[in-house]
Each structure stands twice: as C-alpha cells, then as structure tokens.
Amino acid sequence: MTPERLNAIAFWARELTGPEIERACRGLVEKTWPAGATIVHRGDSFDHWTGVISGLVKISSVSPGGKAVSLAGMPAGMWFGEGSMLKAEPRQYDLVTLRDTRLALMNRATFNWLFENSVGFNRFLVRQFNERLGQFIALVEHERMLDGVARVARVIAWLFNPVLNPNIGPSLDISQEELGLIAGVSRQVANRALQILEAEGLLRIQSAALKPLDLKALSRYGE
C-alpha cells in the first residue's frame, strides 16, 4: 500500500509521522468479500486490525439461547477490532458483510509497533476507545428500553459518528433492509421509523440514501 492510498482510506494516518506511515503501509493489505459473507465467526482468531474501504459490515453475536443481537454497523471509513488486537484474544462477535465489501487489514506486528512507538496513533486509539465505550453503553440501553424508532435513530447517529468516521460525508447510501439488519428490526419497522424521523425533521430520505439533519437529537432519541 502506498502512503497516498493510506491517507485516502484511513483518517487516523493524519496523526502519523512520515516513518510511521511507511511502516503502516508495509503492514496493510486489501481484500474483498461478497455480500452475505462471514468474515469472522465468534471465537475465531483474526490477527488483523480492520478498516472498511467500501461496503457495509455488521457486527453481531448469538446468545447461548439462540437470540441474534446486532451490535453495530461499520460503513466505509470506520476502523475496528483494536480491543481484540491489544488483548490478543479470539473475536467475541461475528463479522458479516451486508453488501460487497472491501477491507483494509493491518497485521498484528504492525499494529503493535504503532501502539508501542507512535504518540499520534495512541492519541487516536484513546479517542476511539472513549467513543466506543459511550456508544456501547447506549447500545445496552436501547436494547433494553427503547422502541424500534429510537433504535433506528441511534443506529443512524452511530453510522454518522464524526469521531469514529470523520470522512463519512453528509449522506450515506444504505437500504432500509441494511438499516434494519444493523438495528435489529424488520425492514417494515425501519421504513416506519424513517418516515417518523423525517416527519420530525431529524433526517431526509434521499434516493437509496439518508441525510441526517440533527445528529444530536438522533443520538438521544427516545430519552
């Protein structure tokens, strides 16, 4: 991978020095999966920190009782898996592509080198962990307390999170079915939720895309 390519697909590369960028490039490869593919099963070892270049990935899990729980959606621009890399443990979730998806994969040796040597990379990781903690606390809340409209609203806020994905842009191409899969609701519920949220002036439904108008209100919807 070239430094130019890295800067195009990884917003965190702005934090790195020239030598750190060169080291990161040597440890990165790109790989493509078709829609509906399982990248990782829960319990698998997956020694790569992962960034979504294009497509959409769902992070999910299945309880011992067989209940499927959707944890998050990862659109193009987001990077994830740093916790598993630091703890050197099997993945605690399934990774499934919702559409044709291209990923950037950083090997463990390179990730660990950046963690041990790069001040900028560590600043990025602290912000990443802090933001994810808040997101997953909210996830526990909305799984237990919120209705379908609020769950969809908060998933949209997650997808447009400016800390986790500062390059997301003003709108995102995503279908109602994909949104429902990430939020853990049916396509019909997702459709109804979008209509309600648009009527309340919180987002605009475009052709096969969404444009949030008030991210703060979406992130706290249902309170």
C-alpha atoms as a PDB file:
ATOM      1  CA  MET A   1       0.000   0.000   0.000  1.00  0.00           C
ATOM      2  CA  THR A   2       1.276   3.467  -0.863  1.00  0.00           C
ATOM      3  CA  PRO A   3       1.224   6.423   1.557  1.00  0.00           C
ATOM      4  CA  GLU A   4      -1.215   8.169  -0.804  1.00  0.00           C
ATOM      5  CA  ARG A   5      -3.603   5.225  -0.654  1.00  0.00           C
ATOM      6  CA  LEU A   6      -3.323   5.025   3.133  1.00  0.00           C
ATOM      7  CA  ASN A   7      -4.145   8.709   3.534  1.00  0.00           C
ATOM      8  CA  ALA A   8      -7.165   8.251   1.273  1.00  0.00           C
ATOM      9  CA  ILE A   9      -8.696   5.355   3.250  1.00  0.00           C
ATOM     10  CA  ALA A  10      -7.523   5.990   6.843  1.00  0.00           C
ATOM     11  CA  PHE A  11      -8.284   9.269   8.599  1.00  0.00           C
ATOM     12  CA  TRP A  12      -6.010   8.266  11.514  1.00  0.00           C
ATOM     13  CA  ALA A  13      -2.983   8.360   9.182  1.00  0.00           C
ATOM     14  CA  ARG A  14      -3.015  12.154   9.605  1.00  0.00           C
ATOM     15  CA  GLU A  15      -1.738  11.562  13.147  1.00  0.00           C
ATOM     16  CA  LEU A  16       1.388   9.706  11.986  1.00  0.00           C
ATOM     17  CA  THR A  17       4.893  10.866  11.094  1.00  0.00           C
ATOM     18  CA  GLY A  18       6.460  10.004   7.726  1.00  0.00           C
ATOM     19  CA  PRO A  19       8.378   6.942   9.009  1.00  0.00           C
ATOM     20  CA  GLU A  20       5.268   5.727  10.854  1.00  0.00           C
ATOM     21  CA  ILE A  21       3.203   5.983   7.689  1.00  0.00           C
ATOM     22  CA  GLU A  22       5.793   3.941   5.798  1.00  0.00           C
ATOM     23  CA  ARG A  23       5.738   1.266   8.499  1.00  0.00           C
ATOM     24  CA  ALA A  24       1.921   1.182   8.469  1.00  0.00           C
ATOM     25  CA  CYS A  25       1.866   0.785   4.684  1.00  0.00           C
ATOM     26  CA  ARG A  26       4.140  -2.251   4.818  1.00  0.00           C
ATOM     27  CA  GLY A  27       1.729  -3.999   7.182  1.00  0.00           C
ATOM     28  CA  LEU A  28      -1.503  -3.383   5.268  1.00  0.00           C
ATOM     29  CA  VAL A  29      -3.284  -5.362   2.564  1.00  0.00           C
ATOM     30  CA  GLU A  30      -6.706  -5.051   0.935  1.00  0.00           C
ATOM     31  CA  LYS A  31      -9.222  -7.852   0.464  1.00  0.00           C
ATOM     32  CA  THR A  32     -12.756  -8.074  -0.942  1.00  0.00           C
ATOM     33  CA  TRP A  33     -15.744 -10.134   0.272  1.00  0.00           C
ATOM     34  CA  PRO A  34     -19.119 -10.613  -1.467  1.00  0.00           C
ATOM     35  CA  ALA A  35     -22.421  -9.623   0.120  1.00  0.00           C
ATOM     36  CA  GLY A  36     -23.581 -12.033   2.823  1.00  0.00           C
ATOM     37  CA  ALA A  37     -20.118 -13.410   3.567  1.00  0.00           C
ATOM     38  CA  THR A  38     -18.988 -14.173   7.100  1.00  0.00           C
ATOM     39  CA  ILE A  39     -15.560 -12.640   7.606  1.00  0.00           C
ATOM     40  CA  VAL A  40     -15.105 -13.902  11.155  1.00  0.00           C
ATOM     41  CA  HIS A  41     -17.102 -16.195  13.425  1.00  0.00           C
ATOM     42  CA  ARG A  42     -17.249 -15.561  17.152  1.00  0.00           C
ATOM     43  CA  GLY A  43     -14.389 -17.449  18.768  1.00  0.00           C
ATOM     44  CA  ASP A  44     -12.156 -17.283  15.689  1.00  0.00           C
ATOM     45  CA  SER A  45      -8.680 -15.810  15.764  1.00  0.00           C
ATOM     46  CA  PHE A  46      -8.367 -12.880  13.369  1.00  0.00           C
ATOM     47  CA  ASP A  47      -4.995 -11.194  13.646  1.00  0.00           C
ATOM     48  CA  HIS A  48      -5.823  -8.046  11.717  1.00  0.00           C
ATOM     49  CA  TRP A  49      -6.993  -4.594  12.638  1.00  0.00           C
ATOM     50  CA  THR A  50      -9.702  -3.778  10.123  1.00  0.00           C
ATOM     51  CA  GLY A  51     -10.870  -0.757   8.161  1.00  0.00           C
ATOM     52  CA  VAL A  52     -13.861  -0.615   5.807  1.00  0.00           C
ATOM     53  CA  ILE A  53     -12.793   0.839   2.460  1.00  0.00           C
ATOM     54  CA  SER A  54     -16.150   0.291   0.752  1.00  0.00           C
ATOM     55  CA  GLY A  55     -19.338  -1.620   1.544  1.00  0.00           C
ATOM     56  CA  LEU A  56     -21.011  -2.292   4.888  1.00  0.00           C
ATOM     57  CA  VAL A  57     -20.186  -4.717   7.713  1.00  0.00           C
ATOM     58  CA  LYS A  58     -22.458  -5.830  10.562  1.00  0.00           C
ATOM     59  CA  ILE A  59     -21.033  -6.791  13.951  1.00  0.00           C
ATOM     60  CA  SER A  60     -23.336  -9.244  15.689  1.00  0.00           C
ATOM     61  CA  SER A  61     -23.477 -12.071  18.194  1.00  0.00           C
ATOM     62  CA  VAL A  62     -25.734 -15.004  19.073  1.00  0.00           C
ATOM     63  CA  SER A  63     -26.632 -15.722  22.693  1.00  0.00           C
ATOM     64  CA  PRO A  64     -26.443 -19.264  24.155  1.00  0.00           C
ATOM     65  CA  GLY A  65     -30.232 -19.317  23.817  1.00  0.00           C
ATOM     66  CA  GLY A  66     -30.005 -18.639  20.094  1.00  0.00           C
ATOM     67  CA  LYS A  67     -31.025 -14.969  20.066  1.00  0.00           C
ATOM     68  CA  ALA A  68     -29.204 -12.928  17.444  1.00  0.00           C
ATOM     69  CA  VAL A  69     -28.082  -9.499  18.652  1.00  0.00           C
ATOM     70  CA  SER A  70     -26.882  -6.801  16.282  1.00  0.00           C
ATOM     71  CA  LEU A  71     -24.113  -4.761  17.919  1.00  0.00           C
ATOM     72  CA  ALA A  72     -23.070  -2.224  15.282  1.00  0.00           C
ATOM     73  CA  GLY A  73     -22.799  -1.407  11.618  1.00  0.00           C
ATOM     74  CA  MET A  74     -19.500  -0.355  10.092  1.00  0.00           C
ATOM     75  CA  PRO A  75     -19.746   1.744   6.903  1.00  0.00           C
ATOM     76  CA  ALA A  76     -16.864   2.844   4.714  1.00  0.00           C
ATOM     77  CA  GLY A  77     -14.320   4.845   6.712  1.00  0.00           C
ATOM     78  CA  MET A  78     -14.644   3.092  10.069  1.00  0.00           C
ATOM     79  CA  TRP A  79     -11.875   1.011  11.677  1.00  0.00           C
ATOM     80  CA  PHE A  80     -12.471  -1.601  14.359  1.00  0.00           C
ATOM     81  CA  GLY A  81     -11.037  -4.569  16.245  1.00  0.00           C
ATOM     82  CA  GLU A  82      -8.387  -2.701  18.222  1.00  0.00           C
ATOM     83  CA  GLY A  83      -9.523  -4.231  21.521  1.00  0.00           C
ATOM     84  CA  SER A  84      -9.032  -7.771  20.263  1.00  0.00           C
ATOM     85  CA  MET A  85      -5.630  -6.816  18.862  1.00  0.00           C
ATOM     86  CA  LEU A  86      -4.416  -5.397  22.171  1.00  0.00           C
ATOM     87  CA  LYS A  87      -5.724  -8.326  24.212  1.00  0.00           C
ATOM     88  CA  ALA A  88      -4.631 -10.950  21.665  1.00  0.00           C
ATOM     89  CA  GLU A  89      -7.899 -12.816  22.129  1.00  0.00           C
ATOM     90  CA  PRO A  90     -10.385 -14.526  19.776  1.00  0.00           C
ATOM     91  CA  ARG A  91     -13.107 -12.296  18.404  1.00  0.00           C
ATOM     92  CA  GLN A  92     -16.193 -12.017  20.601  1.00  0.00           C
ATOM     93  CA  TYR A  93     -18.569 -11.364  17.710  1.00  0.00           C
ATOM     94  CA  ASP A  94     -19.432 -12.330  14.135  1.00  0.00           C
ATOM     95  CA  LEU A  95     -18.495 -10.092  11.211  1.00  0.00           C
ATOM     96  CA  VAL A  96     -20.875 -10.309   8.224  1.00  0.00           C
ATOM     97  CA  THR A  97     -20.912  -8.262   5.026  1.00  0.00           C
ATOM     98  CA  LEU A  98     -24.273  -6.723   4.099  1.00  0.00           C
ATOM     99  CA  ARG A  99     -23.077  -5.840   0.592  1.00  0.00           C
ATOM    100  CA  ASP A 100     -19.937  -6.340  -1.491  1.00  0.00           C
ATOM    101  CA  THR A 101     -17.222  -5.057   0.813  1.00  0.00           C
ATOM    102  CA  ARG A 102     -13.527  -4.205   0.550  1.00  0.00           C
ATOM    103  CA  LEU A 103     -11.463  -4.136   3.740  1.00  0.00           C
ATOM    104  CA  ALA A 104      -8.013  -2.933   4.713  1.00  0.00           C
ATOM    105  CA  LEU A 105      -6.258  -5.412   7.016  1.00  0.00           C
ATOM    106  CA  MET A 106      -3.308  -4.431   9.231  1.00  0.00           C
ATOM    107  CA  ASN A 107      -1.296  -7.314  10.659  1.00  0.00           C
ATOM    108  CA  ARG A 108      -0.717  -7.632  14.391  1.00  0.00           C
ATOM    109  CA  ALA A 109       3.038  -6.913  14.258  1.00  0.00           C
ATOM    110  CA  THR A 110       2.448  -3.553  12.567  1.00  0.00           C
ATOM    111  CA  PHE A 111      -0.430  -2.635  14.885  1.00  0.00           C
ATOM    112  CA  ASN A 112       1.706  -3.443  17.940  1.00  0.00           C
ATOM    113  CA  TRP A 113       4.652  -1.465  16.552  1.00  0.00           C
ATOM    114  CA  LEU A 114       2.464   1.612  16.102  1.00  0.00           C
ATOM    115  CA  PHE A 115       0.977   1.133  19.558  1.00  0.00           C
ATOM    116  CA  GLU A 116       4.428   0.947  21.128  1.00  0.00           C
ATOM    117  CA  ASN A 117       6.104   3.698  19.108  1.00  0.00           C
ATOM    118  CA  SER A 118       3.602   6.246  17.788  1.00  0.00           C
ATOM    119  CA  VAL A 119       2.262   9.012  20.029  1.00  0.00           C
ATOM    120  CA  GLY A 120      -0.205  10.064  17.332  1.00  0.00           C
ATOM    121  CA  PHE A 121      -1.554   6.542  16.918  1.00  0.00           C
ATOM    122  CA  ASN A 122      -2.090   6.254  20.673  1.00  0.00           C
ATOM    123  CA  ARG A 123      -3.958   9.544  20.769  1.00  0.00           C
ATOM    124  CA  PHE A 124      -6.218   8.185  18.061  1.00  0.00           C
ATOM    125  CA  LEU A 125      -6.782   4.926  19.977  1.00  0.00           C
ATOM    126  CA  VAL A 126      -7.756   6.783  23.173  1.00  0.00           C
ATOM    127  CA  ARG A 127     -10.383   8.788  21.279  1.00  0.00           C
ATOM    128  CA  GLN A 128     -11.570   5.609  19.555  1.00  0.00           C
ATOM    129  CA  PHE A 129     -11.964   3.668  22.808  1.00  0.00           C
ATOM    130  CA  ASN A 130     -13.667   6.560  24.577  1.00  0.00           C
ATOM    131  CA  GLU A 131     -16.201   7.000  21.789  1.00  0.00           C
ATOM    132  CA  ARG A 132     -16.905   3.273  21.501  1.00  0.00           C
ATOM    133  CA  LEU A 133     -17.476   2.973  25.245  1.00  0.00           C
ATOM    134  CA  GLY A 134     -20.158   5.624  25.091  1.00  0.00           C
ATOM    135  CA  GLN A 135     -21.713   4.003  22.031  1.00  0.00           C
ATOM    136  CA  PHE A 136     -21.925   0.554  23.574  1.00  0.00           C
ATOM    137  CA  ILE A 137     -23.325   1.833  26.861  1.00  0.00           C
ATOM    138  CA  ALA A 138     -26.047   3.451  24.759  1.00  0.00           C
ATOM    139  CA  LEU A 139     -26.479   0.139  22.912  1.00  0.00           C
ATOM    140  CA  VAL A 140     -27.254  -1.698  26.156  1.00  0.00           C
ATOM    141  CA  GLU A 141     -29.789   0.978  26.996  1.00  0.00           C
ATOM    142  CA  HIS A 142     -31.591   0.936  23.674  1.00  0.00           C
ATOM    143  CA  GLU A 143     -31.686  -2.871  23.529  1.00  0.00           C
ATOM    144  CA  ARG A 144     -33.487  -2.929  26.879  1.00  0.00           C
ATOM    145  CA  MET A 145     -35.548   0.231  26.909  1.00  0.00           C
ATOM    146  CA  LEU A 146     -36.156   1.782  23.506  1.00  0.00           C
ATOM    147  CA  ASP A 147     -38.704   1.109  20.787  1.00  0.00           C
ATOM    148  CA  GLY A 148     -37.952   0.480  17.110  1.00  0.00           C
ATOM    149  CA  VAL A 149     -37.981   4.151  16.109  1.00  0.00           C
ATOM    150  CA  ALA A 150     -35.440   5.091  18.770  1.00  0.00           C
ATOM    151  CA  ARG A 151     -33.241   2.121  17.903  1.00  0.00           C
ATOM    152  CA  VAL A 152     -33.149   3.137  14.239  1.00  0.00           C
ATOM    153  CA  ALA A 153     -32.473   6.767  15.181  1.00  0.00           C
ATOM    154  CA  ARG A 154     -29.493   5.825  17.341  1.00  0.00           C
ATOM    155  CA  VAL A 155     -28.083   3.448  14.757  1.00  0.00           C
ATOM    156  CA  ILE A 156     -28.120   6.294  12.222  1.00  0.00           C
ATOM    157  CA  ALA A 157     -26.296   8.500  14.719  1.00  0.00           C
ATOM    158  CA  TRP A 158     -23.688   5.729  15.161  1.00  0.00           C
ATOM    159  CA  LEU A 159     -23.148   5.411  11.411  1.00  0.00           C
ATOM    160  CA  PHE A 160     -22.522   9.154  11.138  1.00  0.00           C
ATOM    161  CA  ASN A 161     -20.367   9.416  14.266  1.00  0.00           C
ATOM    162  CA  PRO A 162     -17.845  12.203  13.477  1.00  0.00           C
ATOM    163  CA  VAL A 163     -15.182  10.805  15.824  1.00  0.00           C
ATOM    164  CA  LEU A 164     -15.257   7.211  14.586  1.00  0.00           C
ATOM    165  CA  ASN A 165     -15.750   8.193  10.946  1.00  0.00           C
ATOM    166  CA  PRO A 166     -14.900  11.852  10.248  1.00  0.00           C
ATOM    167  CA  ASN A 167     -14.927  11.297   6.469  1.00  0.00           C
ATOM    168  CA  ILE A 168     -18.471   9.916   6.328  1.00  0.00           C
ATOM    169  CA  GLY A 169     -19.886  12.908   4.423  1.00  0.00           C
ATOM    170  CA  PRO A 170     -23.353  14.469   4.648  1.00  0.00           C
ATOM    171  CA  SER A 171     -25.249  11.377   3.444  1.00  0.00           C
ATOM    172  CA  LEU A 172     -24.859   7.601   3.339  1.00  0.00           C
ATOM    173  CA  ASP A 173     -26.049   5.104   0.750  1.00  0.00           C
ATOM    174  CA  ILE A 174     -27.901   2.467   2.764  1.00  0.00           C
ATOM    175  CA  SER A 175     -31.080   0.480   2.159  1.00  0.00           C
ATOM    176  CA  GLN A 176     -33.930   0.059   4.629  1.00  0.00           C
ATOM    177  CA  GLU A 177     -33.149  -3.648   4.797  1.00  0.00           C
ATOM    178  CA  GLU A 178     -29.495  -2.964   5.691  1.00  0.00           C
ATOM    179  CA  LEU A 179     -30.523  -0.418   8.297  1.00  0.00           C
ATOM    180  CA  GLY A 180     -32.976  -2.890   9.819  1.00  0.00           C
ATOM    181  CA  LEU A 181     -30.322  -5.599   9.987  1.00  0.00           C
ATOM    182  CA  ILE A 182     -27.972  -3.292  11.872  1.00  0.00           C
ATOM    183  CA  ALA A 183     -30.682  -2.016  14.227  1.00  0.00           C
ATOM    184  CA  GLY A 184     -32.102  -5.495  14.825  1.00  0.00           C
ATOM    185  CA  VAL A 185     -35.554  -4.656  13.457  1.00  0.00           C
ATOM    186  CA  SER A 186     -37.504  -5.683  10.366  1.00  0.00           C
ATOM    187  CA  ARG A 187     -37.392  -3.720   7.113  1.00  0.00           C
ATOM    188  CA  GLN A 188     -41.004  -2.671   7.744  1.00  0.00           C
ATOM    189  CA  VAL A 189     -40.133  -1.269  11.169  1.00  0.00           C
ATOM    190  CA  ALA A 190     -37.099   0.515   9.711  1.00  0.00           C
ATOM    191  CA  ASN A 191     -39.302   2.033   6.987  1.00  0.00           C
ATOM    192  CA  ARG A 192     -41.847   3.269   9.525  1.00  0.00           C
ATOM    193  CA  ALA A 193     -39.104   4.665  11.753  1.00  0.00           C
ATOM    194  CA  LEU A 194     -37.540   6.590   8.874  1.00  0.00           C
ATOM    195  CA  GLN A 195     -40.888   8.094   7.944  1.00  0.00           C
ATOM    196  CA  ILE A 196     -41.413   9.232  11.535  1.00  0.00           C
ATOM    197  CA  LEU A 197     -37.912  10.649  11.873  1.00  0.00           C
ATOM    198  CA  GLU A 198     -38.228  12.507   8.569  1.00  0.00           C
ATOM    199  CA  ALA A 199     -41.607  13.932   9.608  1.00  0.00           C
ATOM    200  CA  GLU A 200     -39.966  15.199  12.807  1.00  0.00           C
ATOM    201  CA  GLY A 201     -37.294  16.955  10.760  1.00  0.00           C
ATOM    202  CA  LEU A 202     -34.387  14.857  12.014  1.00  0.00           C
ATOM    203  CA  LEU A 203     -33.325  13.402   8.676  1.00  0.00           C
ATOM    204  CA  ARG A 204     -34.047  13.459   4.969  1.00  0.00           C
ATOM    205  CA  ILE A 205     -34.717  10.299   2.964  1.00  0.00           C
ATOM    206  CA  GLN A 206     -32.985  10.509  -0.395  1.00  0.00           C
ATOM    207  CA  SER A 207     -32.849   8.019  -3.249  1.00  0.00           C
ATOM    208  CA  ALA A 208     -31.323   4.917  -1.579  1.00  0.00           C
ATOM    209  CA  ALA A 209     -29.587   7.210   0.921  1.00  0.00           C
ATOM    210  CA  LEU A 210     -30.051   9.004   4.244  1.00  0.00           C
ATOM    211  CA  LYS A 211     -29.047  12.522   5.224  1.00  0.00           C
ATOM    212  CA  PRO A 212     -29.215  13.301   8.962  1.00  0.00           C
ATOM    213  CA  LEU A 213     -30.271  16.831   9.843  1.00  0.00           C
ATOM    214  CA  ASP A 214     -29.816  16.696  13.635  1.00  0.00           C
ATOM    215  CA  LEU A 215     -27.296  14.111  14.810  1.00  0.00           C
ATOM    216  CA  LYS A 216     -27.524  15.156  18.444  1.00  0.00           C
ATOM    217  CA  ALA A 217     -31.278  14.621  18.507  1.00  0.00           C
ATOM    218  CA  LEU A 218     -30.942  11.267  16.716  1.00  0.00           C
ATOM    219  CA  SER A 219     -28.311  10.080  19.215  1.00  0.00           C
ATOM    220  CA  ARG A 220     -30.619  10.887  22.152  1.00  0.00           C
ATOM    221  CA  TYR A 221     -33.917   9.942  20.550  1.00  0.00           C
ATOM    222  CA  GLY A 222     -36.277   8.233  22.980  1.00  0.00           C
ATOM    223  CA  GLU A 223     -34.965   9.884  26.125  1.00  0.00           C
END
